[in-house]
Amino acid sequence: PEIFGKKIEAKEMKIAMMITLLHPFLILVGTALAAGIPSETLSTLN
């Protein structure tokens, strides 16, 4: 695995995977937290 003459190794892949998984983690955990605390969120929904 290489791009533009540079080899892709374990360190680059670990960073890429962490960034890839961060986005869904923030969205899904945040939504789960909102759904799990109805006293804070239900009254704000239209």
ModelCIF file with pLDDT and N, C-alpha, C, O atoms, coordinates in Angstrom:
data_MODEL
#
_entry.id   MODEL 
#
_entity.id                         1 
_entity.type                       polymer 
_entity.pdbx_number_of_molecules   1 
#
_entity_poly.entity_id                      1 
_entity_poly.type                           'polypeptide(L)' 
_entity_poly.nstd_linkage                   no 
_entity_poly.nstd_monomer                   no 
_entity_poly.pdbx_seq_one_letter_code       PEIFGKKIEAKEMKIAMMITLLHPFLILVGTALAAGIPSETLSTLN 
_entity_poly.pdbx_seq_one_letter_code_can   PEIFGKKIEAKEMKIAMMITLLHPFLILVGTALAAGIPSETLSTLN 
_entity_poly.pdbx_strand_id                 A 
#
loop_
_entity_poly_seq.entity_id 
_entity_poly_seq.num 
_entity_poly_seq.mon_id 
_entity_poly_seq.hetero 
1 1  PRO n 
1 2  GLU n 
1 3  ILE n 
1 4  PHE n 
1 5  GLY n 
1 6  LYS n 
1 7  LYS n 
1 8  ILE n 
1 9  GLU n 
1 10 ALA n 
1 11 LYS n 
1 12 GLU n 
1 13 MET n 
1 14 LYS n 
1 15 ILE n 
1 16 ALA n 
1 17 MET n 
1 18 MET n 
1 19 ILE n 
1 20 THR n 
1 21 LEU n 
1 22 LEU n 
1 23 HIS n 
1 24 PRO n 
1 25 PHE n 
1 26 LEU n 
1 27 ILE n 
1 28 LEU n 
1 29 VAL n 
1 30 GLY n 
1 31 THR n 
1 32 ALA n 
1 33 LEU n 
1 34 ALA n 
1 35 ALA n 
1 36 GLY n 
1 37 ILE n 
1 38 PRO n 
1 39 SER n 
1 40 GLU n 
1 41 THR n 
1 42 LEU n 
1 43 SER n 
1 44 THR n 
1 45 LEU n 
1 46 ASN n 
#
_struct_asym.id          A 
_struct_asym.entity_id   1 
#
loop_
_ma_qa_metric.id 
_ma_qa_metric.mode 
_ma_qa_metric.name 
_ma_qa_metric.software_group_id 
_ma_qa_metric.type 
1 global pLDDT . pLDDT 
2 local  pLDDT . pLDDT 
#
_ma_qa_metric_global.metric_id      1 
_ma_qa_metric_global.metric_value   90.80 
_ma_qa_metric_global.model_id       1 
_ma_qa_metric_global.ordinal_id     1 
#
loop_
_ma_qa_metric_local.label_asym_id 
_ma_qa_metric_local.label_comp_id 
_ma_qa_metric_local.label_seq_id 
_ma_qa_metric_local.metric_id 
_ma_qa_metric_local.metric_value 
_ma_qa_metric_local.model_id 
_ma_qa_metric_local.ordinal_id 
A PRO 1  2 84.00 1 1  
A GLU 2  2 85.00 1 2  
A ILE 3  2 87.00 1 3  
A PHE 4  2 87.00 1 4  
A GLY 5  2 86.00 1 5  
A LYS 6  2 87.00 1 6  
A LYS 7  2 88.00 1 7  
A ILE 8  2 89.00 1 8  
A GLU 9  2 88.00 1 9  
A ALA 10 2 89.00 1 10 
A LYS 11 2 92.00 1 11 
A GLU 12 2 92.00 1 12 
A MET 13 2 92.00 1 13 
A LYS 14 2 93.00 1 14 
A ILE 15 2 94.00 1 15 
A ALA 16 2 93.00 1 16 
A MET 17 2 93.00 1 17 
A MET 18 2 94.00 1 18 
A ILE 19 2 94.00 1 19 
A THR 20 2 93.00 1 20 
A LEU 21 2 93.00 1 21 
A LEU 22 2 95.00 1 22 
A HIS 23 2 95.00 1 23 
A PRO 24 2 95.00 1 24 
A PHE 25 2 96.00 1 25 
A LEU 26 2 96.00 1 26 
A ILE 27 2 97.00 1 27 
A LEU 28 2 96.00 1 28 
A VAL 29 2 96.00 1 29 
A GLY 30 2 95.00 1 30 
A THR 31 2 95.00 1 31 
A ALA 32 2 95.00 1 32 
A LEU 33 2 94.00 1 33 
A ALA 34 2 93.00 1 34 
A ALA 35 2 91.00 1 35 
A GLY 36 2 91.00 1 36 
A ILE 37 2 91.00 1 37 
A PRO 38 2 88.00 1 38 
A SER 39 2 85.00 1 39 
A GLU 40 2 86.00 1 40 
A THR 41 2 87.00 1 41 
A LEU 42 2 85.00 1 42 
A SER 43 2 86.00 1 43 
A THR 44 2 87.00 1 44 
A LEU 45 2 86.00 1 45 
A ASN 46 2 83.00 1 46 
#
loop_
_atom_site.group_PDB 
_atom_site.id 
_atom_site.type_symbol 
_atom_site.label_atom_id 
_atom_site.label_alt_id 
_atom_site.label_comp_id 
_atom_site.label_asym_id 
_atom_site.label_entity_id 
_atom_site.label_seq_id 
_atom_site.pdbx_PDB_ins_code 
_atom_site.Cartn_x 
_atom_site.Cartn_y 
_atom_site.Cartn_z 
_atom_site.occupancy 
_atom_site.B_iso_or_equiv 
_atom_site.pdbx_formal_charge 
_atom_site.auth_seq_id 
_atom_site.auth_comp_id 
_atom_site.auth_asym_id 
_atom_site.auth_atom_id 
_atom_site.pdbx_PDB_model_num 
ATOM 1   N N  . PRO A 1 1  ? 0.834   -1.206 0.000  1.00 84.00 ? 1  PRO A N  1 
ATOM 2   C CA . PRO A 1 1  ? 0.000   0.000  0.000  1.00 84.00 ? 1  PRO A CA 1 
ATOM 3   C C  . PRO A 1 1  ? 0.868   1.255  0.000  1.00 84.00 ? 1  PRO A C  1 
ATOM 4   O O  . PRO A 1 1  ? 1.639   1.480  0.933  1.00 84.00 ? 1  PRO A O  1 
ATOM 5   N N  . GLU A 1 2  ? 0.745   2.059  -1.032 1.00 85.00 ? 2  GLU A N  1 
ATOM 6   C CA . GLU A 1 2  ? 1.486   3.305  -1.087 1.00 85.00 ? 2  GLU A CA 1 
ATOM 7   C C  . GLU A 1 2  ? 0.701   4.331  -1.901 1.00 85.00 ? 2  GLU A C  1 
ATOM 8   O O  . GLU A 1 2  ? -0.092  3.982  -2.776 1.00 85.00 ? 2  GLU A O  1 
ATOM 9   N N  . ILE A 1 3  ? 0.941   5.596  -1.593 1.00 87.00 ? 3  ILE A N  1 
ATOM 10  C CA . ILE A 1 3  ? 0.287   6.686  -2.303 1.00 87.00 ? 3  ILE A CA 1 
ATOM 11  C C  . ILE A 1 3  ? 1.312   7.771  -2.598 1.00 87.00 ? 3  ILE A C  1 
ATOM 12  O O  . ILE A 1 3  ? 2.005   8.239  -1.694 1.00 87.00 ? 3  ILE A O  1 
ATOM 13  N N  . PHE A 1 4  ? 1.408   8.164  -3.845 1.00 87.00 ? 4  PHE A N  1 
ATOM 14  C CA . PHE A 1 4  ? 2.323   9.205  -4.289 1.00 87.00 ? 4  PHE A CA 1 
ATOM 15  C C  . PHE A 1 4  ? 3.762   8.901  -3.861 1.00 87.00 ? 4  PHE A C  1 
ATOM 16  O O  . PHE A 1 4  ? 4.506   9.804  -3.476 1.00 87.00 ? 4  PHE A O  1 
ATOM 17  N N  . GLY A 1 5  ? 4.148   7.614  -3.933 1.00 86.00 ? 5  GLY A N  1 
ATOM 18  C CA . GLY A 1 5  ? 5.511   7.230  -3.612 1.00 86.00 ? 5  GLY A CA 1 
ATOM 19  C C  . GLY A 1 5  ? 5.805   7.074  -2.138 1.00 86.00 ? 5  GLY A C  1 
ATOM 20  O O  . GLY A 1 5  ? 6.969   6.951  -1.759 1.00 86.00 ? 5  GLY A O  1 
ATOM 21  N N  . LYS A 1 6  ? 4.783   7.076  -1.290 1.00 87.00 ? 6  LYS A N  1 
ATOM 22  C CA . LYS A 1 6  ? 4.972   6.935  0.153  1.00 87.00 ? 6  LYS A CA 1 
ATOM 23  C C  . LYS A 1 6  ? 4.189   5.710  0.649  1.00 87.00 ? 6  LYS A C  1 
ATOM 24  O O  . LYS A 1 6  ? 3.003   5.566  0.351  1.00 87.00 ? 6  LYS A O  1 
ATOM 25  N N  . LYS A 1 7  ? 4.844   4.846  1.393  1.00 88.00 ? 7  LYS A N  1 
ATOM 26  C CA . LYS A 1 7  ? 4.204   3.630  1.886  1.00 88.00 ? 7  LYS A CA 1 
ATOM 27  C C  . LYS A 1 7  ? 3.246   3.938  3.038  1.00 88.00 ? 7  LYS A C  1 
ATOM 28  O O  . LYS A 1 7  ? 3.553   4.728  3.931  1.00 88.00 ? 7  LYS A O  1 
ATOM 29  N N  . ILE A 1 8  ? 2.083   3.297  2.994  1.00 89.00 ? 8  ILE A N  1 
ATOM 30  C CA . ILE A 1 8  ? 1.104   3.393  4.074  1.00 89.00 ? 8  ILE A CA 1 
ATOM 31  C C  . ILE A 1 8  ? 1.369   2.255  5.051  1.00 89.00 ? 8  ILE A C  1 
ATOM 32  O O  . ILE A 1 8  ? 1.264   1.083  4.690  1.00 89.00 ? 8  ILE A O  1 
ATOM 33  N N  . GLU A 1 9  ? 1.712   2.600  6.282  1.00 88.00 ? 9  GLU A N  1 
ATOM 34  C CA . GLU A 1 9  ? 2.051   1.578  7.271  1.00 88.00 ? 9  GLU A CA 1 
ATOM 35  C C  . GLU A 1 9  ? 1.085   1.631  8.452  1.00 88.00 ? 9  GLU A C  1 
ATOM 36  O O  . GLU A 1 9  ? 0.090   2.355  8.426  1.00 88.00 ? 9  GLU A O  1 
ATOM 37  N N  . ALA A 1 10 ? 1.391   0.866  9.469  1.00 89.00 ? 10 ALA A N  1 
ATOM 38  C CA . ALA A 1 10 ? 0.453   0.676  10.581 1.00 89.00 ? 10 ALA A CA 1 
ATOM 39  C C  . ALA A 1 10 ? 0.078   1.982  11.272 1.00 89.00 ? 10 ALA A C  1 
ATOM 40  O O  . ALA A 1 10 ? -1.087  2.195  11.606 1.00 89.00 ? 10 ALA A O  1 
ATOM 41  N N  . LYS A 1 11 ? 1.062   2.860  11.488 1.00 92.00 ? 11 LYS A N  1 
ATOM 42  C CA . LYS A 1 11 ? 0.792   4.101  12.215 1.00 92.00 ? 11 LYS A CA 1 
ATOM 43  C C  . LYS A 1 11 ? -0.233  4.961  11.485 1.00 92.00 ? 11 LYS A C  1 
ATOM 44  O O  . LYS A 1 11 ? -1.158  5.488  12.103 1.00 92.00 ? 11 LYS A O  1 
ATOM 45  N N  . GLU A 1 12 ? -0.068  5.104  10.153 1.00 92.00 ? 12 GLU A N  1 
ATOM 46  C CA . GLU A 1 12 ? -1.003  5.908  9.372  1.00 92.00 ? 12 GLU A CA 1 
ATOM 47  C C  . GLU A 1 12 ? -2.397  5.276  9.369  1.00 92.00 ? 12 GLU A C  1 
ATOM 48  O O  . GLU A 1 12 ? -3.406  5.979  9.435  1.00 92.00 ? 12 GLU A O  1 
ATOM 49  N N  . MET A 1 13 ? -2.443  3.947  9.292  1.00 92.00 ? 13 MET A N  1 
ATOM 50  C CA . MET A 1 13 ? -3.734  3.261  9.270  1.00 92.00 ? 13 MET A CA 1 
ATOM 51  C C  . MET A 1 13 ? -4.463  3.405  10.600 1.00 92.00 ? 13 MET A C  1 
ATOM 52  O O  . MET A 1 13 ? -5.683  3.564  10.623 1.00 92.00 ? 13 MET A O  1 
ATOM 53  N N  . LYS A 1 14 ? -3.734  3.350  11.698 1.00 93.00 ? 14 LYS A N  1 
ATOM 54  C CA . LYS A 1 14 ? -4.378  3.496  13.007 1.00 93.00 ? 14 LYS A CA 1 
ATOM 55  C C  . LYS A 1 14 ? -5.006  4.883  13.153 1.00 93.00 ? 14 LYS A C  1 
ATOM 56  O O  . LYS A 1 14 ? -6.123  5.025  13.651 1.00 93.00 ? 14 LYS A O  1 
ATOM 57  N N  . ILE A 1 15 ? -4.269  5.896  12.710 1.00 94.00 ? 15 ILE A N  1 
ATOM 58  C CA . ILE A 1 15 ? -4.807  7.262  12.789 1.00 94.00 ? 15 ILE A CA 1 
ATOM 59  C C  . ILE A 1 15 ? -6.033  7.391  11.903 1.00 94.00 ? 15 ILE A C  1 
ATOM 60  O O  . ILE A 1 15 ? -7.040  7.970  12.311 1.00 94.00 ? 15 ILE A O  1 
ATOM 61  N N  . ALA A 1 16 ? -5.954  6.850  10.689 1.00 93.00 ? 16 ALA A N  1 
ATOM 62  C CA . ALA A 1 16 ? -7.078  6.939  9.751  1.00 93.00 ? 16 ALA A CA 1 
ATOM 63  C C  . ALA A 1 16 ? -8.314  6.243  10.301 1.00 93.00 ? 16 ALA A C  1 
ATOM 64  O O  . ALA A 1 16 ? -9.425  6.757  10.169 1.00 93.00 ? 16 ALA A O  1 
ATOM 65  N N  . MET A 1 17 ? -8.132  5.086  10.912 1.00 93.00 ? 17 MET A N  1 
ATOM 66  C CA . MET A 1 17 ? -9.275  4.344  11.450 1.00 93.00 ? 17 MET A CA 1 
ATOM 67  C C  . MET A 1 17 ? -9.885  5.074  12.648 1.00 93.00 ? 17 MET A C  1 
ATOM 68  O O  . MET A 1 17 ? -11.106 5.102  12.796 1.00 93.00 ? 17 MET A O  1 
ATOM 69  N N  . MET A 1 18 ? -9.054  5.658  13.493 1.00 94.00 ? 18 MET A N  1 
ATOM 70  C CA . MET A 1 18 ? -9.581  6.389  14.648 1.00 94.00 ? 18 MET A CA 1 
ATOM 71  C C  . MET A 1 18 ? -10.415 7.593  14.193 1.00 94.00 ? 18 MET A C  1 
ATOM 72  O O  . MET A 1 18 ? -11.474 7.868  14.756 1.00 94.00 ? 18 MET A O  1 
ATOM 73  N N  . ILE A 1 19 ? -9.931  8.303  13.176 1.00 94.00 ? 19 ILE A N  1 
ATOM 74  C CA . ILE A 1 19 ? -10.669 9.467  12.669 1.00 94.00 ? 19 ILE A CA 1 
ATOM 75  C C  . ILE A 1 19 ? -11.962 9.017  11.996 1.00 94.00 ? 19 ILE A C  1 
ATOM 76  O O  . ILE A 1 19 ? -12.997 9.669  12.137 1.00 94.00 ? 19 ILE A O  1 
ATOM 77  N N  . THR A 1 20 ? -11.905 7.901  11.262 1.00 93.00 ? 20 THR A N  1 
ATOM 78  C CA . THR A 1 20 ? -13.106 7.381  10.593 1.00 93.00 ? 20 THR A CA 1 
ATOM 79  C C  . THR A 1 20 ? -14.184 7.005  11.597 1.00 93.00 ? 20 THR A C  1 
ATOM 80  O O  . THR A 1 20 ? -15.362 7.278  11.370 1.00 93.00 ? 20 THR A O  1 
ATOM 81  N N  . LEU A 1 21 ? -13.796 6.385  12.700 1.00 93.00 ? 21 LEU A N  1 
ATOM 82  C CA . LEU A 1 21 ? -14.759 5.927  13.703 1.00 93.00 ? 21 LEU A CA 1 
ATOM 83  C C  . LEU A 1 21 ? -15.202 7.034  14.648 1.00 93.00 ? 21 LEU A C  1 
ATOM 84  O O  . LEU A 1 21 ? -16.246 6.923  15.292 1.00 93.00 ? 21 LEU A O  1 
ATOM 85  N N  . LEU A 1 22 ? -14.409 8.106  14.735 1.00 95.00 ? 22 LEU A N  1 
ATOM 86  C CA . LEU A 1 22 ? -14.759 9.206  15.638 1.00 95.00 ? 22 LEU A CA 1 
ATOM 87  C C  . LEU A 1 22 ? -16.085 9.843  15.257 1.00 95.00 ? 22 LEU A C  1 
ATOM 88  O O  . LEU A 1 22 ? -16.904 10.141 16.127 1.00 95.00 ? 22 LEU A O  1 
ATOM 89  N N  . HIS A 1 23 ? -16.302 10.052 13.973 1.00 95.00 ? 23 HIS A N  1 
ATOM 90  C CA . HIS A 1 23 ? -17.501 10.761 13.501 1.00 95.00 ? 23 HIS A CA 1 
ATOM 91  C C  . HIS A 1 23 ? -18.786 10.034 13.908 1.00 95.00 ? 23 HIS A C  1 
ATOM 92  O O  . HIS A 1 23 ? -19.648 10.648 14.537 1.00 95.00 ? 23 HIS A O  1 
ATOM 93  N N  . PRO A 1 24 ? -18.947 8.745  13.573 1.00 95.00 ? 24 PRO A N  1 
ATOM 94  C CA . PRO A 1 24 ? -20.166 8.058  14.039 1.00 95.00 ? 24 PRO A CA 1 
ATOM 95  C C  . PRO A 1 24 ? -20.241 7.934  15.554 1.00 95.00 ? 24 PRO A C  1 
ATOM 96  O O  . PRO A 1 24 ? -21.331 7.936  16.126 1.00 95.00 ? 24 PRO A O  1 
ATOM 97  N N  . PHE A 1 25 ? -19.081 7.823  16.211 1.00 96.00 ? 25 PHE A N  1 
ATOM 98  C CA . PHE A 1 25 ? -19.084 7.728  17.671 1.00 96.00 ? 25 PHE A CA 1 
ATOM 99  C C  . PHE A 1 25 ? -19.711 8.976  18.287 1.00 96.00 ? 25 PHE A C  1 
ATOM 100 O O  . PHE A 1 25 ? -20.560 8.863  19.171 1.00 96.00 ? 25 PHE A O  1 
ATOM 101 N N  . LEU A 1 26 ? -19.309 10.157 17.839 1.00 96.00 ? 26 LEU A N  1 
ATOM 102 C CA . LEU A 1 26 ? -19.837 11.401 18.390 1.00 96.00 ? 26 LEU A CA 1 
ATOM 103 C C  . LEU A 1 26 ? -21.336 11.528 18.128 1.00 96.00 ? 26 LEU A C  1 
ATOM 104 O O  . LEU A 1 26 ? -22.091 11.945 19.006 1.00 96.00 ? 26 LEU A O  1 
ATOM 105 N N  . ILE A 1 27 ? -21.759 11.171 16.924 1.00 97.00 ? 27 ILE A N  1 
ATOM 106 C CA . ILE A 1 27 ? -23.174 11.308 16.558 1.00 97.00 ? 27 ILE A CA 1 
ATOM 107 C C  . ILE A 1 27 ? -24.045 10.333 17.338 1.00 97.00 ? 27 ILE A C  1 
ATOM 108 O O  . ILE A 1 27 ? -25.048 10.727 17.933 1.00 97.00 ? 27 ILE A O  1 
ATOM 109 N N  . LEU A 1 28 ? -23.666 9.074  17.335 1.00 96.00 ? 28 LEU A N  1 
ATOM 110 C CA . LEU A 1 28 ? -24.525 8.034  17.920 1.00 96.00 ? 28 LEU A CA 1 
ATOM 111 C C  . LEU A 1 28 ? -24.522 8.089  19.444 1.00 96.00 ? 28 LEU A C  1 
ATOM 112 O O  . LEU A 1 28 ? -25.563 7.903  20.074 1.00 96.00 ? 28 LEU A O  1 
ATOM 113 N N  . VAL A 1 29 ? -23.362 8.342  20.035 1.00 96.00 ? 29 VAL A N  1 
ATOM 114 C CA . VAL A 1 29 ? -23.304 8.452  21.493 1.00 96.00 ? 29 VAL A CA 1 
ATOM 115 C C  . VAL A 1 29 ? -24.081 9.686  21.958 1.00 96.00 ? 29 VAL A C  1 
ATOM 116 O O  . VAL A 1 29 ? -24.807 9.630  22.951 1.00 96.00 ? 29 VAL A O  1 
ATOM 117 N N  . GLY A 1 30 ? -23.924 10.793 21.238 1.00 95.00 ? 30 GLY A N  1 
ATOM 118 C CA . GLY A 1 30 ? -24.651 11.996 21.603 1.00 95.00 ? 30 GLY A CA 1 
ATOM 119 C C  . GLY A 1 30 ? -26.152 11.802 21.520 1.00 95.00 ? 30 GLY A C  1 
ATOM 120 O O  . GLY A 1 30 ? -26.883 12.221 22.418 1.00 95.00 ? 30 GLY A O  1 
ATOM 121 N N  . THR A 1 31 ? -26.623 11.170 20.448 1.00 95.00 ? 31 THR A N  1 
ATOM 122 C CA . THR A 1 31 ? -28.059 10.918 20.283 1.00 95.00 ? 31 THR A CA 1 
ATOM 123 C C  . THR A 1 31 ? -28.568 9.951  21.345 1.00 95.00 ? 31 THR A C  1 
ATOM 124 O O  . THR A 1 31 ? -29.655 10.140 21.890 1.00 95.00 ? 31 THR A O  1 
ATOM 125 N N  . ALA A 1 32 ? -27.787 8.920  21.638 1.00 95.00 ? 32 ALA A N  1 
ATOM 126 C CA . ALA A 1 32 ? -28.176 7.964  22.678 1.00 95.00 ? 32 ALA A CA 1 
ATOM 127 C C  . ALA A 1 32 ? -28.280 8.648  24.036 1.00 95.00 ? 32 ALA A C  1 
ATOM 128 O O  . ALA A 1 32 ? -29.181 8.358  24.822 1.00 95.00 ? 32 ALA A O  1 
ATOM 129 N N  . LEU A 1 33 ? -27.345 9.561  24.300 1.00 94.00 ? 33 LEU A N  1 
ATOM 130 C CA . LEU A 1 33 ? -27.377 10.307 25.557 1.00 94.00 ? 33 LEU A CA 1 
ATOM 131 C C  . LEU A 1 33 ? -28.645 11.160 25.639 1.00 94.00 ? 33 LEU A C  1 
ATOM 132 O O  . LEU A 1 33 ? -29.289 11.216 26.686 1.00 94.00 ? 33 LEU A O  1 
ATOM 133 N N  . ALA A 1 34 ? -29.003 11.822 24.535 1.00 93.00 ? 34 ALA A N  1 
ATOM 134 C CA . ALA A 1 34 ? -30.209 12.653 24.517 1.00 93.00 ? 34 ALA A CA 1 
ATOM 135 C C  . ALA A 1 34 ? -31.460 11.803 24.709 1.00 93.00 ? 34 ALA A C  1 
ATOM 136 O O  . ALA A 1 34 ? -32.374 12.188 25.438 1.00 93.00 ? 34 ALA A O  1 
ATOM 137 N N  . ALA A 1 35 ? -31.498 10.638 24.048 1.00 91.00 ? 35 ALA A N  1 
ATOM 138 C CA . ALA A 1 35 ? -32.662 9.760  24.184 1.00 91.00 ? 35 ALA A CA 1 
ATOM 139 C C  . ALA A 1 35 ? -32.726 9.130  25.567 1.00 91.00 ? 35 ALA A C  1 
ATOM 140 O O  . ALA A 1 35 ? -33.806 8.782  26.043 1.00 91.00 ? 35 ALA A O  1 
ATOM 141 N N  . GLY A 1 36 ? -31.572 8.982  26.215 1.00 91.00 ? 36 GLY A N  1 
ATOM 142 C CA . GLY A 1 36 ? -31.526 8.333  27.522 1.00 91.00 ? 36 GLY A CA 1 
ATOM 143 C C  . GLY A 1 36 ? -31.803 9.266  28.682 1.00 91.00 ? 36 GLY A C  1 
ATOM 144 O O  . GLY A 1 36 ? -31.923 8.816  29.822 1.00 91.00 ? 36 GLY A O  1 
ATOM 145 N N  . ILE A 1 37 ? -31.907 10.579 28.408 1.00 91.00 ? 37 ILE A N  1 
ATOM 146 C CA . ILE A 1 37 ? -32.216 11.552 29.465 1.00 91.00 ? 37 ILE A CA 1 
ATOM 147 C C  . ILE A 1 37 ? -33.486 12.314 29.073 1.00 91.00 ? 37 ILE A C  1 
ATOM 148 O O  . ILE A 1 37 ? -33.415 13.503 28.760 1.00 91.00 ? 37 ILE A O  1 
ATOM 149 N N  . PRO A 1 38 ? -34.629 11.658 29.084 1.00 88.00 ? 38 PRO A N  1 
ATOM 150 C CA . PRO A 1 38 ? -35.871 12.297 28.615 1.00 88.00 ? 38 PRO A CA 1 
ATOM 151 C C  . PRO A 1 38 ? -36.233 13.556 29.380 1.00 88.00 ? 38 PRO A C  1 
ATOM 152 O O  . PRO A 1 38 ? -36.871 14.451 28.827 1.00 88.00 ? 38 PRO A O  1 
ATOM 153 N N  . SER A 1 39 ? -35.837 13.640 30.646 1.00 85.00 ? 39 SER A N  1 
ATOM 154 C CA . SER A 1 39 ? -36.167 14.834 31.430 1.00 85.00 ? 39 SER A CA 1 
ATOM 155 C C  . SER A 1 39 ? -35.509 16.084 30.861 1.00 85.00 ? 39 SER A C  1 
ATOM 156 O O  . SER A 1 39 ? -35.997 17.194 31.074 1.00 85.00 ? 39 SER A O  1 
ATOM 157 N N  . GLU A 1 40 ? -34.392 15.911 30.133 1.00 86.00 ? 40 GLU A N  1 
ATOM 158 C CA . GLU A 1 40 ? -33.665 17.039 29.559 1.00 86.00 ? 40 GLU A CA 1 
ATOM 159 C C  . GLU A 1 40 ? -34.053 17.319 28.112 1.00 86.00 ? 40 GLU A C  1 
ATOM 160 O O  . GLU A 1 40 ? -33.820 18.420 27.614 1.00 86.00 ? 40 GLU A O  1 
ATOM 161 N N  . THR A 1 41 ? -34.644 16.335 27.430 1.00 87.00 ? 41 THR A N  1 
ATOM 162 C CA . THR A 1 41 ? -34.815 16.470 25.982 1.00 87.00 ? 41 THR A CA 1 
ATOM 163 C C  . THR A 1 41 ? -36.248 16.435 25.485 1.00 87.00 ? 41 THR A C  1 
ATOM 164 O O  . THR A 1 41 ? -36.570 17.129 24.520 1.00 87.00 ? 41 THR A O  1 
ATOM 165 N N  . LEU A 1 42 ? -37.125 15.651 26.107 1.00 85.00 ? 42 LEU A N  1 
ATOM 166 C CA . LEU A 1 42 ? -38.478 15.480 25.555 1.00 85.00 ? 42 LEU A CA 1 
ATOM 167 C C  . LEU A 1 42 ? -39.238 16.801 25.461 1.00 85.00 ? 42 LEU A C  1 
ATOM 168 O O  . LEU A 1 42 ? -39.978 17.025 24.504 1.00 85.00 ? 42 LEU A O  1 
ATOM 169 N N  . SER A 1 43 ? -39.062 17.657 26.432 1.00 86.00 ? 43 SER A N  1 
ATOM 170 C CA . SER A 1 43 ? -39.780 18.934 26.425 1.00 86.00 ? 43 SER A CA 1 
ATOM 171 C C  . SER A 1 43 ? -39.259 19.885 25.350 1.00 86.00 ? 43 SER A C  1 
ATOM 172 O O  . SER A 1 43 ? -39.912 20.879 25.034 1.00 86.00 ? 43 SER A O  1 
ATOM 173 N N  . THR A 1 44 ? -38.084 19.587 24.785 1.00 87.00 ? 44 THR A N  1 
ATOM 174 C CA . THR A 1 44 ? -37.511 20.465 23.759 1.00 87.00 ? 44 THR A CA 1 
ATOM 175 C C  . THR A 1 44 ? -37.910 20.037 22.354 1.00 87.00 ? 44 THR A C  1 
ATOM 176 O O  . THR A 1 44 ? -37.645 20.765 21.397 1.00 87.00 ? 44 THR A O  1 
ATOM 177 N N  . LEU A 1 45 ? -38.538 18.879 22.204 1.00 86.00 ? 45 LEU A N  1 
ATOM 178 C CA . LEU A 1 45 ? -38.909 18.376 20.886 1.00 86.00 ? 45 LEU A CA 1 
ATOM 179 C C  . LEU A 1 45 ? -40.237 18.951 20.444 1.00 86.00 ? 45 LEU A C  1 
ATOM 180 O O  . LEU A 1 45 ? -41.165 19.082 21.242 1.00 86.00 ? 45 LEU A O  1 
ATOM 181 N N  . ASN A 1 46 ? -40.327 19.294 19.169 1.00 83.00 ? 46 ASN A N  1 
ATOM 182 C CA . ASN A 1 46 ? -41.578 19.796 18.608 1.00 83.00 ? 46 ASN A CA 1 
ATOM 183 C C  . ASN A 1 46 ? -42.431 18.657 18.087 1.00 83.00 ? 46 ASN A C  1 
ATOM 184 O O  . ASN A 1 46 ? -43.526 18.889 17.576 1.00 83.00 ? 46 ASN A O  1 
#
